[in-house]
Amino acid sequence: MASCPPRSTSKATREEQARDVCLRLLTVRARTRAELAGQLAKRGYPDDVSEDVLDRLEQVGLVDDADFAEQWVRSRRANAGKGRRALIAELRTKGVDSEVIEAAMADDEPGAERARAERLVADKLRREKLVDGEEAKLARRLVGMLARRGYGQTMAFDVVKVALANERERRQV
């Protein structure tokens, strides 16, 4: 990891080095402005140097928190089955502003989150054995899985209850 150059070097040199650090970080994955600012601060770059570098990276489109949030939400919904609460928490830890988070979450259709929860439970149920007397244990595990992924408790209980009833009925036929 690069460290901040000695104070005797020029501001232009420090900015160039800070830009190089940011570009290396951005080649790995997209990052928020706050993440990059944190990395520069950790390496000892002064705030004025960081601000100038990050402003320039925003101008050229390499740092865009709104685009990052939209991509993050789309990816985490599709690949990890994350619910609204989990996505909001993840974006907050990445330093995304509340307004940007709300804009990124706004495209979610009513009922889409419930449909994702139902798919997750259905996928899990296909791999589970339904043993008499163990249904409560399975229900707790399924509700816990949904809770860890950021789904609300009420919805999780309802989705699991319906899914277990449907599975019971399907297996009796």
N, C-alpha and C. Protein backbone atom coordinates (compact mmCIF):
# COMPACT_ATOMS: atom_id res chain seq x y z
N MET A 1 0.83 -1.18 0.00
CA MET A 1 0.00 0.00 0.00
C MET A 1 0.88 1.24 0.00
N ALA A 2 0.44 2.21 -0.77
CA ALA A 2 1.19 3.46 -0.87
C ALA A 2 0.90 4.32 0.35
N SER A 3 1.90 4.99 0.79
CA SER A 3 1.70 5.92 1.90
C SER A 3 1.85 7.33 1.37
N CYS A 4 1.41 8.27 2.14
CA CYS A 4 1.46 9.66 1.73
C CYS A 4 2.92 10.11 1.64
N PRO A 5 3.25 10.86 0.62
CA PRO A 5 4.63 11.34 0.48
C PRO A 5 4.96 12.36 1.56
N PRO A 6 6.23 12.57 1.80
CA PRO A 6 6.63 13.57 2.79
C PRO A 6 6.06 14.94 2.44
N ARG A 7 5.89 15.79 3.43
CA ARG A 7 5.31 17.12 3.25
C ARG A 7 6.10 17.98 2.26
N SER A 8 7.36 17.69 2.07
CA SER A 8 8.19 18.53 1.22
C SER A 8 7.82 18.41 -0.26
N THR A 9 7.11 17.35 -0.65
CA THR A 9 6.75 17.22 -2.06
C THR A 9 5.61 18.18 -2.37
N SER A 10 5.47 18.52 -3.63
CA SER A 10 4.49 19.53 -4.04
C SER A 10 3.07 18.96 -3.95
N LYS A 11 2.12 19.87 -3.91
CA LYS A 11 0.71 19.46 -3.85
C LYS A 11 0.35 18.70 -5.12
N ALA A 12 0.89 19.11 -6.25
CA ALA A 12 0.60 18.44 -7.52
C ALA A 12 1.08 16.99 -7.48
N THR A 13 2.25 16.76 -6.89
CA THR A 13 2.78 15.40 -6.77
C THR A 13 1.89 14.57 -5.86
N ARG A 14 1.46 15.16 -4.74
CA ARG A 14 0.59 14.43 -3.81
C ARG A 14 -0.74 14.11 -4.48
N GLU A 15 -1.28 15.05 -5.27
CA GLU A 15 -2.53 14.81 -5.98
C GLU A 15 -2.38 13.69 -6.98
N GLU A 16 -1.26 13.66 -7.69
CA GLU A 16 -1.01 12.62 -8.67
C GLU A 16 -0.94 11.25 -7.98
N GLN A 17 -0.25 11.21 -6.85
CA GLN A 17 -0.15 9.94 -6.11
C GLN A 17 -1.51 9.51 -5.56
N ALA A 18 -2.29 10.46 -5.06
CA ALA A 18 -3.63 10.15 -4.55
C ALA A 18 -4.52 9.66 -5.68
N ARG A 19 -4.42 10.29 -6.84
CA ARG A 19 -5.20 9.84 -8.00
C ARG A 19 -4.83 8.42 -8.39
N ASP A 20 -3.54 8.10 -8.36
CA ASP A 20 -3.08 6.75 -8.67
C ASP A 20 -3.66 5.72 -7.69
N VAL A 21 -3.70 6.09 -6.41
CA VAL A 21 -4.28 5.20 -5.40
C VAL A 21 -5.75 4.95 -5.74
N CYS A 22 -6.48 6.01 -6.03
CA CYS A 22 -7.91 5.89 -6.35
C CYS A 22 -8.13 5.04 -7.60
N LEU A 23 -7.33 5.27 -8.62
CA LEU A 23 -7.48 4.51 -9.86
C LEU A 23 -7.19 3.03 -9.64
N ARG A 24 -6.20 2.72 -8.83
CA ARG A 24 -5.92 1.30 -8.51
C ARG A 24 -7.12 0.68 -7.79
N LEU A 25 -7.69 1.41 -6.84
CA LEU A 25 -8.86 0.90 -6.12
C LEU A 25 -10.06 0.72 -7.05
N LEU A 26 -10.23 1.64 -7.99
CA LEU A 26 -11.36 1.57 -8.91
C LEU A 26 -11.21 0.49 -9.96
N THR A 27 -9.99 0.04 -10.22
CA THR A 27 -9.83 -1.06 -11.17
C THR A 27 -10.32 -2.38 -10.59
N VAL A 28 -10.32 -2.49 -9.27
CA VAL A 28 -10.80 -3.71 -8.62
C VAL A 28 -12.32 -3.77 -8.67
N ARG A 29 -12.99 -2.68 -8.28
CA ARG A 29 -14.45 -2.59 -8.31
C ARG A 29 -14.85 -1.13 -8.18
N ALA A 30 -16.10 -0.85 -8.52
CA ALA A 30 -16.62 0.51 -8.35
C ALA A 30 -16.66 0.83 -6.86
N ARG A 31 -16.43 2.08 -6.53
CA ARG A 31 -16.44 2.52 -5.13
C ARG A 31 -17.14 3.85 -5.00
N THR A 32 -17.63 4.11 -3.80
CA THR A 32 -18.27 5.39 -3.54
C THR A 32 -17.20 6.44 -3.23
N ARG A 33 -17.62 7.68 -3.29
CA ARG A 33 -16.72 8.77 -2.96
C ARG A 33 -16.23 8.63 -1.51
N ALA A 34 -17.13 8.26 -0.60
CA ALA A 34 -16.77 8.12 0.81
C ALA A 34 -15.74 7.00 1.01
N GLU A 35 -15.89 5.89 0.28
CA GLU A 35 -14.92 4.79 0.40
C GLU A 35 -13.53 5.26 -0.04
N LEU A 36 -13.48 5.97 -1.17
CA LEU A 36 -12.19 6.47 -1.66
C LEU A 36 -11.59 7.50 -0.70
N ALA A 37 -12.44 8.38 -0.18
CA ALA A 37 -11.95 9.39 0.77
C ALA A 37 -11.39 8.70 2.01
N GLY A 38 -12.05 7.65 2.47
CA GLY A 38 -11.57 6.90 3.63
C GLY A 38 -10.22 6.25 3.37
N GLN A 39 -10.06 5.68 2.17
CA GLN A 39 -8.78 5.06 1.82
C GLN A 39 -7.65 6.10 1.74
N LEU A 40 -7.96 7.26 1.18
CA LEU A 40 -6.94 8.31 1.10
C LEU A 40 -6.58 8.83 2.49
N ALA A 41 -7.58 8.99 3.34
CA ALA A 41 -7.31 9.45 4.72
C ALA A 41 -6.48 8.42 5.46
N LYS A 42 -6.79 7.15 5.26
CA LYS A 42 -6.04 6.08 5.92
C LYS A 42 -4.56 6.11 5.50
N ARG A 43 -4.32 6.53 4.28
CA ARG A 43 -2.95 6.59 3.77
C ARG A 43 -2.29 7.94 4.10
N GLY A 44 -3.00 8.83 4.77
CA GLY A 44 -2.40 10.06 5.25
C GLY A 44 -2.46 11.24 4.29
N TYR A 45 -3.27 11.17 3.27
CA TYR A 45 -3.37 12.30 2.35
C TYR A 45 -4.19 13.41 2.99
N PRO A 46 -3.79 14.66 2.83
CA PRO A 46 -4.54 15.78 3.41
C PRO A 46 -5.92 15.90 2.75
N ASP A 47 -6.86 16.48 3.48
CA ASP A 47 -8.23 16.61 2.99
C ASP A 47 -8.32 17.42 1.70
N ASP A 48 -7.51 18.50 1.60
CA ASP A 48 -7.60 19.33 0.39
C ASP A 48 -7.15 18.56 -0.85
N VAL A 49 -6.14 17.72 -0.70
CA VAL A 49 -5.67 16.89 -1.82
C VAL A 49 -6.75 15.87 -2.18
N SER A 50 -7.31 15.23 -1.18
CA SER A 50 -8.36 14.23 -1.42
C SER A 50 -9.56 14.85 -2.13
N GLU A 51 -9.99 16.01 -1.64
CA GLU A 51 -11.15 16.67 -2.24
C GLU A 51 -10.91 17.00 -3.70
N ASP A 52 -9.73 17.55 -4.01
CA ASP A 52 -9.43 17.90 -5.39
C ASP A 52 -9.43 16.68 -6.30
N VAL A 53 -8.80 15.61 -5.83
CA VAL A 53 -8.71 14.37 -6.63
C VAL A 53 -10.10 13.77 -6.83
N LEU A 54 -10.88 13.69 -5.75
CA LEU A 54 -12.22 13.09 -5.84
C LEU A 54 -13.16 13.94 -6.68
N ASP A 55 -13.03 15.27 -6.59
CA ASP A 55 -13.84 16.15 -7.44
C ASP A 55 -13.54 15.88 -8.92
N ARG A 56 -12.27 15.76 -9.23
CA ARG A 56 -11.87 15.50 -10.63
C ARG A 56 -12.37 14.13 -11.09
N LEU A 57 -12.28 13.12 -10.25
CA LEU A 57 -12.77 11.78 -10.62
C LEU A 57 -14.28 11.78 -10.84
N GLU A 58 -14.99 12.61 -10.08
CA GLU A 58 -16.44 12.74 -10.29
C GLU A 58 -16.72 13.44 -11.62
N GLN A 59 -15.94 14.47 -11.92
CA GLN A 59 -16.14 15.23 -13.17
C GLN A 59 -16.00 14.33 -14.39
N VAL A 60 -15.02 13.43 -14.36
CA VAL A 60 -14.80 12.56 -15.52
C VAL A 60 -15.66 11.30 -15.47
N GLY A 61 -16.47 11.15 -14.43
CA GLY A 61 -17.42 10.04 -14.37
C GLY A 61 -16.91 8.74 -13.78
N LEU A 62 -15.73 8.77 -13.19
CA LEU A 62 -15.20 7.55 -12.58
C LEU A 62 -15.77 7.28 -11.19
N VAL A 63 -16.27 8.31 -10.54
CA VAL A 63 -16.91 8.17 -9.24
C VAL A 63 -18.30 8.76 -9.35
N ASP A 64 -19.31 7.92 -9.17
CA ASP A 64 -20.71 8.34 -9.27
C ASP A 64 -21.51 7.53 -8.26
N ASP A 65 -21.82 8.15 -7.12
CA ASP A 65 -22.52 7.43 -6.05
C ASP A 65 -23.91 6.95 -6.47
N ALA A 66 -24.61 7.73 -7.29
CA ALA A 66 -25.95 7.32 -7.72
C ALA A 66 -25.88 6.08 -8.59
N ASP A 67 -24.95 6.06 -9.53
CA ASP A 67 -24.77 4.90 -10.39
C ASP A 67 -24.31 3.69 -9.57
N PHE A 68 -23.40 3.92 -8.64
CA PHE A 68 -22.92 2.85 -7.77
C PHE A 68 -24.09 2.24 -7.00
N ALA A 69 -24.94 3.09 -6.43
CA ALA A 69 -26.07 2.59 -5.62
C ALA A 69 -27.04 1.78 -6.48
N GLU A 70 -27.33 2.24 -7.68
CA GLU A 70 -28.24 1.49 -8.56
C GLU A 70 -27.66 0.13 -8.92
N GLN A 71 -26.39 0.10 -9.28
CA GLN A 71 -25.74 -1.17 -9.62
C GLN A 71 -25.69 -2.10 -8.41
N TRP A 72 -25.38 -1.56 -7.24
CA TRP A 72 -25.28 -2.35 -6.02
C TRP A 72 -26.63 -2.99 -5.70
N VAL A 73 -27.69 -2.19 -5.76
CA VAL A 73 -29.03 -2.70 -5.45
C VAL A 73 -29.41 -3.79 -6.44
N ARG A 74 -29.21 -3.55 -7.71
CA ARG A 74 -29.57 -4.54 -8.74
C ARG A 74 -28.79 -5.83 -8.53
N SER A 75 -27.51 -5.72 -8.28
CA SER A 75 -26.66 -6.89 -8.12
C SER A 75 -27.00 -7.68 -6.85
N ARG A 76 -27.16 -6.99 -5.73
CA ARG A 76 -27.41 -7.67 -4.46
C ARG A 76 -28.81 -8.28 -4.42
N ARG A 77 -29.77 -7.68 -5.12
CA ARG A 77 -31.10 -8.29 -5.21
C ARG A 77 -31.03 -9.57 -6.01
N ALA A 78 -30.34 -9.51 -7.15
CA ALA A 78 -30.29 -10.66 -8.05
C ALA A 78 -29.42 -11.78 -7.51
N ASN A 79 -28.26 -11.46 -6.99
CA ASN A 79 -27.29 -12.49 -6.62
C ASN A 79 -27.37 -12.95 -5.17
N ALA A 80 -27.80 -12.08 -4.27
CA ALA A 80 -27.83 -12.45 -2.85
C ALA A 80 -29.24 -12.47 -2.28
N GLY A 81 -30.22 -12.06 -3.08
CA GLY A 81 -31.60 -12.05 -2.61
C GLY A 81 -31.84 -11.10 -1.45
N LYS A 82 -31.13 -10.00 -1.42
CA LYS A 82 -31.22 -9.07 -0.30
C LYS A 82 -32.54 -8.30 -0.31
N GLY A 83 -33.05 -8.03 0.86
CA GLY A 83 -34.25 -7.23 1.04
C GLY A 83 -33.92 -5.77 1.20
N ARG A 84 -34.96 -4.96 1.24
CA ARG A 84 -34.81 -3.50 1.29
C ARG A 84 -33.96 -3.04 2.47
N ARG A 85 -34.25 -3.54 3.67
CA ARG A 85 -33.52 -3.10 4.86
C ARG A 85 -32.03 -3.41 4.76
N ALA A 86 -31.69 -4.59 4.28
CA ALA A 86 -30.28 -4.97 4.16
C ALA A 86 -29.57 -4.09 3.13
N LEU A 87 -30.24 -3.83 2.02
CA LEU A 87 -29.62 -2.99 0.98
C LEU A 87 -29.36 -1.58 1.48
N ILE A 88 -30.33 -1.02 2.20
CA ILE A 88 -30.15 0.33 2.75
C ILE A 88 -28.99 0.36 3.72
N ALA A 89 -28.90 -0.65 4.58
CA ALA A 89 -27.80 -0.71 5.55
C ALA A 89 -26.45 -0.84 4.85
N GLU A 90 -26.38 -1.67 3.82
CA GLU A 90 -25.12 -1.84 3.09
C GLU A 90 -24.68 -0.55 2.42
N LEU A 91 -25.64 0.14 1.79
CA LEU A 91 -25.29 1.40 1.13
C LEU A 91 -24.87 2.46 2.13
N ARG A 92 -25.50 2.48 3.29
CA ARG A 92 -25.10 3.46 4.32
C ARG A 92 -23.67 3.20 4.78
N THR A 93 -23.30 1.92 4.95
CA THR A 93 -21.93 1.62 5.38
C THR A 93 -20.91 2.00 4.31
N LYS A 94 -21.36 2.08 3.07
CA LYS A 94 -20.47 2.49 1.99
C LYS A 94 -20.43 4.00 1.82
N GLY A 95 -21.19 4.73 2.65
CA GLY A 95 -21.14 6.19 2.63
C GLY A 95 -22.04 6.86 1.63
N VAL A 96 -23.06 6.17 1.16
CA VAL A 96 -23.98 6.75 0.19
C VAL A 96 -25.02 7.59 0.94
N ASP A 97 -25.33 8.78 0.41
CA ASP A 97 -26.31 9.69 1.02
C ASP A 97 -27.70 9.08 1.00
N SER A 98 -28.52 9.49 1.96
CA SER A 98 -29.89 8.96 2.09
C SER A 98 -30.74 9.25 0.84
N GLU A 99 -30.60 10.43 0.26
CA GLU A 99 -31.38 10.76 -0.93
C GLU A 99 -31.01 9.84 -2.10
N VAL A 100 -29.72 9.57 -2.24
CA VAL A 100 -29.26 8.69 -3.32
C VAL A 100 -29.76 7.26 -3.07
N ILE A 101 -29.76 6.83 -1.82
CA ILE A 101 -30.25 5.50 -1.48
C ILE A 101 -31.74 5.39 -1.83
N GLU A 102 -32.52 6.39 -1.44
CA GLU A 102 -33.96 6.35 -1.74
C GLU A 102 -34.21 6.32 -3.25
N ALA A 103 -33.42 7.08 -4.00
CA ALA A 103 -33.58 7.08 -5.46
C ALA A 103 -33.26 5.71 -6.05
N ALA A 104 -32.24 5.07 -5.52
CA ALA A 104 -31.85 3.74 -6.02
C ALA A 104 -32.89 2.68 -5.65
N MET A 105 -33.56 2.87 -4.52
CA MET A 105 -34.55 1.89 -4.07
C MET A 105 -35.93 2.16 -4.66
N ALA A 106 -36.13 3.31 -5.29
CA ALA A 106 -37.44 3.73 -5.77
C ALA A 106 -37.98 2.86 -6.89
N ASP A 107 -37.12 2.20 -7.64
CA ASP A 107 -37.58 1.41 -8.79
C ASP A 107 -38.20 0.07 -8.41
N ASP A 108 -38.17 -0.27 -7.12
CA ASP A 108 -38.72 -1.55 -6.68
C ASP A 108 -40.24 -1.51 -6.74
N GLU A 109 -40.82 -2.41 -7.50
CA GLU A 109 -42.27 -2.47 -7.66
C GLU A 109 -42.92 -3.00 -6.39
N PRO A 110 -44.16 -2.57 -6.12
CA PRO A 110 -44.87 -3.13 -4.97
C PRO A 110 -45.05 -4.64 -5.16
N GLY A 111 -44.77 -5.38 -4.14
CA GLY A 111 -44.91 -6.83 -4.22
C GLY A 111 -43.66 -7.55 -4.71
N ALA A 112 -42.72 -6.80 -5.27
CA ALA A 112 -41.51 -7.44 -5.80
C ALA A 112 -40.66 -8.02 -4.68
N GLU A 113 -40.60 -7.31 -3.55
CA GLU A 113 -39.80 -7.81 -2.43
C GLU A 113 -40.41 -9.10 -1.88
N ARG A 114 -41.73 -9.13 -1.77
CA ARG A 114 -42.39 -10.34 -1.30
C ARG A 114 -42.15 -11.50 -2.28
N ALA A 115 -42.20 -11.22 -3.57
CA ALA A 115 -41.96 -12.26 -4.58
C ALA A 115 -40.54 -12.82 -4.45
N ARG A 116 -39.56 -11.94 -4.18
CA ARG A 116 -38.18 -12.41 -3.99
C ARG A 116 -38.08 -13.30 -2.75
N ALA A 117 -38.77 -12.89 -1.67
CA ALA A 117 -38.77 -13.69 -0.43
C ALA A 117 -39.41 -15.05 -0.69
N GLU A 118 -40.50 -15.06 -1.43
CA GLU A 118 -41.17 -16.33 -1.75
C GLU A 118 -40.27 -17.25 -2.56
N ARG A 119 -39.53 -16.68 -3.52
CA ARG A 119 -38.60 -17.49 -4.32
C ARG A 119 -37.50 -18.08 -3.45
N LEU A 120 -36.95 -17.25 -2.55
CA LEU A 120 -35.89 -17.74 -1.67
C LEU A 120 -36.38 -18.91 -0.82
N VAL A 121 -37.56 -18.76 -0.24
CA VAL A 121 -38.13 -19.81 0.61
C VAL A 121 -38.43 -21.06 -0.21
N ALA A 122 -39.00 -20.87 -1.41
CA ALA A 122 -39.31 -22.02 -2.26
C ALA A 122 -38.04 -22.77 -2.65
N ASP A 123 -37.00 -22.04 -3.00
CA ASP A 123 -35.72 -22.69 -3.34
C ASP A 123 -35.18 -23.49 -2.17
N LYS A 124 -35.25 -22.91 -0.99
CA LYS A 124 -34.74 -23.58 0.21
C LYS A 124 -35.60 -24.81 0.54
N LEU A 125 -36.90 -24.68 0.40
CA LEU A 125 -37.80 -25.79 0.72
C LEU A 125 -37.59 -26.99 -0.21
N ARG A 126 -37.25 -26.72 -1.45
CA ARG A 126 -37.00 -27.83 -2.38
C ARG A 126 -35.87 -28.74 -1.91
N ARG A 127 -34.93 -28.16 -1.17
CA ARG A 127 -33.77 -28.93 -0.71
C ARG A 127 -33.97 -29.50 0.69
N GLU A 128 -35.09 -29.19 1.32
CA GLU A 128 -35.32 -29.62 2.70
C GLU A 128 -36.26 -30.82 2.75
N LYS A 129 -36.09 -31.61 3.79
CA LYS A 129 -37.03 -32.69 4.07
C LYS A 129 -38.07 -32.14 5.04
N LEU A 130 -39.32 -32.42 4.76
CA LEU A 130 -40.38 -32.01 5.67
C LEU A 130 -40.65 -33.19 6.60
N VAL A 131 -40.16 -33.11 7.82
CA VAL A 131 -40.33 -34.18 8.79
C VAL A 131 -41.43 -33.76 9.76
N ASP A 132 -42.36 -34.70 10.03
CA ASP A 132 -43.44 -34.39 10.97
C ASP A 132 -42.85 -34.02 12.32
N GLY A 133 -43.38 -32.99 12.94
CA GLY A 133 -42.92 -32.54 14.24
C GLY A 133 -41.74 -31.59 14.18
N GLU A 134 -41.10 -31.45 13.03
CA GLU A 134 -39.94 -30.58 12.88
C GLU A 134 -40.28 -29.32 12.07
N GLU A 135 -41.56 -29.13 11.80
CA GLU A 135 -41.97 -28.00 10.98
C GLU A 135 -41.66 -26.66 11.64
N ALA A 136 -41.83 -26.59 12.94
CA ALA A 136 -41.55 -25.34 13.66
C ALA A 136 -40.08 -24.98 13.56
N LYS A 137 -39.24 -25.98 13.67
CA LYS A 137 -37.79 -25.75 13.56
C LYS A 137 -37.43 -25.25 12.16
N LEU A 138 -38.01 -25.88 11.13
CA LEU A 138 -37.76 -25.47 9.76
C LEU A 138 -38.28 -24.05 9.53
N ALA A 139 -39.46 -23.74 10.07
CA ALA A 139 -40.03 -22.40 9.93
C ALA A 139 -39.11 -21.36 10.55
N ARG A 140 -38.56 -21.65 11.74
CA ARG A 140 -37.63 -20.70 12.38
C ARG A 140 -36.40 -20.48 11.52
N ARG A 141 -35.87 -21.56 10.95
CA ARG A 141 -34.68 -21.43 10.11
C ARG A 141 -34.97 -20.59 8.86
N LEU A 142 -36.14 -20.81 8.25
CA LEU A 142 -36.49 -20.05 7.05
C LEU A 142 -36.73 -18.58 7.36
N VAL A 143 -37.42 -18.30 8.47
CA VAL A 143 -37.64 -16.91 8.88
C VAL A 143 -36.30 -16.25 9.19
N GLY A 144 -35.42 -16.97 9.86
CA GLY A 144 -34.09 -16.44 10.16
C GLY A 144 -33.30 -16.12 8.90
N MET A 145 -33.40 -16.99 7.90
CA MET A 145 -32.70 -16.75 6.63
C MET A 145 -33.21 -15.45 6.00
N LEU A 146 -34.52 -15.28 5.99
CA LEU A 146 -35.08 -14.05 5.41
C LEU A 146 -34.68 -12.82 6.23
N ALA A 147 -34.69 -12.95 7.54
CA ALA A 147 -34.31 -11.82 8.40
C ALA A 147 -32.86 -11.41 8.16
N ARG A 148 -31.97 -12.38 8.02
CA ARG A 148 -30.56 -12.06 7.76
C ARG A 148 -30.37 -11.37 6.42
N ARG A 149 -31.28 -11.59 5.51
CA ARG A 149 -31.19 -10.96 4.19
C ARG A 149 -31.96 -9.65 4.12
N GLY A 150 -32.50 -9.21 5.25
CA GLY A 150 -33.10 -7.88 5.30
C GLY A 150 -34.59 -7.81 5.04
N TYR A 151 -35.30 -8.92 5.14
CA TYR A 151 -36.75 -8.90 4.97
C TYR A 151 -37.41 -8.66 6.31
N GLY A 152 -38.53 -7.97 6.30
CA GLY A 152 -39.25 -7.66 7.52
C GLY A 152 -39.81 -8.91 8.18
N GLN A 153 -39.92 -8.87 9.50
CA GLN A 153 -40.34 -10.03 10.28
C GLN A 153 -41.77 -10.46 9.93
N THR A 154 -42.67 -9.52 9.81
CA THR A 154 -44.06 -9.85 9.51
C THR A 154 -44.16 -10.54 8.15
N MET A 155 -43.51 -9.97 7.15
CA MET A 155 -43.54 -10.57 5.83
C MET A 155 -42.89 -11.94 5.84
N ALA A 156 -41.76 -12.07 6.53
CA ALA A 156 -41.05 -13.34 6.59
C ALA A 156 -41.93 -14.43 7.19
N PHE A 157 -42.58 -14.14 8.32
CA PHE A 157 -43.46 -15.13 8.94
C PHE A 157 -44.59 -15.53 7.99
N ASP A 158 -45.19 -14.55 7.34
CA ASP A 158 -46.30 -14.82 6.44
C ASP A 158 -45.86 -15.66 5.24
N VAL A 159 -44.75 -15.29 4.63
CA VAL A 159 -44.23 -16.02 3.46
C VAL A 159 -43.92 -17.47 3.84
N VAL A 160 -43.26 -17.66 4.98
CA VAL A 160 -42.89 -19.01 5.41
C VAL A 160 -44.14 -19.83 5.73
N LYS A 161 -45.10 -19.23 6.41
CA LYS A 161 -46.34 -19.94 6.75
C LYS A 161 -47.05 -20.43 5.49
N VAL A 162 -47.21 -19.56 4.51
CA VAL A 162 -47.87 -19.92 3.26
C VAL A 162 -47.07 -20.97 2.50
N ALA A 163 -45.76 -20.80 2.44
CA ALA A 163 -44.91 -21.74 1.70
C ALA A 163 -44.95 -23.13 2.34
N LEU A 164 -44.91 -23.20 3.66
CA LEU A 164 -44.97 -24.50 4.33
C LEU A 164 -46.33 -25.17 4.11
N ALA A 165 -47.40 -24.39 4.16
CA ALA A 165 -48.73 -24.95 3.90
C ALA A 165 -48.83 -25.49 2.48
N ASN A 166 -48.32 -24.72 1.52
CA ASN A 166 -48.34 -25.17 0.13
C ASN A 166 -47.49 -26.42 -0.06
N GLU A 167 -46.34 -26.47 0.57
CA GLU A 167 -45.45 -27.62 0.45
C GLU A 167 -46.08 -28.86 1.08
N ARG A 168 -46.72 -28.68 2.21
CA ARG A 168 -47.41 -29.80 2.88
C ARG A 168 -48.49 -30.36 1.95
N GLU A 169 -49.27 -29.46 1.39
CA GLU A 169 -50.35 -29.86 0.49
C GLU A 169 -49.81 -30.55 -0.75
N ARG A 170 -48.74 -30.00 -1.31
CA ARG A 170 -48.13 -30.59 -2.52
C ARG A 170 -47.62 -32.00 -2.25
N ARG A 171 -47.03 -32.21 -1.09
CA ARG A 171 -46.46 -33.51 -0.78
C ARG A 171 -47.52 -34.56 -0.41
N GLN A 172 -48.71 -34.09 -0.04
CA GLN A 172 -49.79 -35.04 0.27
C GLN A 172 -50.46 -35.56 -0.98
N VAL A 173 -50.38 -34.81 -2.04
CA VAL A 173 -51.05 -35.20 -3.30
C VAL A 173 -50.32 -36.31 -3.99
